[in-house]
């Protein structure tokens, strides 16, 4: 999926849309990509002269990628409900292309459970287990 196709299933919009493309691979994993330009709002002040993508933003990139695995997310809001076992190994920097790989581990009704990782330049930056709920949009 390209960015316009992603916008049809993910309610996020710029500047919080943190996916440029996403596809589902042969293993049933969602694989998303986002190239850090360097002018994103979350780099302002984090850190002056040494910009690093904040860990919470990396977790958001991973979570947004998961939506490609949920067929009934249309017209709903995927909302974080939990974040566990988060590990930060290497920084994500301007110019890097983040590659997020996510798989669903369980689903119970509107609750989805997943695990994912974010890599750049062949190195693991972030890994996490997380959950989210598929919530109907308010009219």
Foldseek 3Di string as FASTA:
>chain_A
DAPVVLVQQAVDDPPLPAFGDWDQDPVRKIKTKGAAACPRPQQVPCPVVFGFRDPVSVVSNQVSSCSVNPPPLGQWHKAWDWKPDKDADDTDDHGWMKIKIKDWDDDDVQKTKIWMFIDTPPGTGMIIITMIGTGHDDD
